[in-house]
């Protein structure tokens, strides 16, 4: 889960840095730069806004490599997380932890052989007395 959060942060950082670079290099508004960054990262490529300078082309190529690579890695991590059942284990673990925290005056008997039965019977007798 931590790797997924890290990759989301990396992807957001790439979007912010890409947008800022476009503002500086191409001298466009932040909204246009943000739009162009998202268009590049999602590989939509409408063609209505293109880099006009050499440095703008370098920014676009950097976004293509790092942004798309990071997006694919994030998709892989999320898919792996879901397929491997970690989400279910995580939710089940939290549910069990809450149930354990709500328990009061419980005893855990490990093994229910001769000794375990004797301990459980003795405990039941003692609780009935008190």
Foldseek 3Di string as FASTA:
>chain_A
DVVLVVLVVVLVVLLVVQLVQCCVQQVDDSVVSSVVLVCLLVVVCPVPDQRDDPSSVVSSVVSNVVSVVSVVVSVVVVVCCVVVCVVVVVVVVVVVVVVVVPDDPDDDQDDCDPVSVVVVVVVVVVVVVD
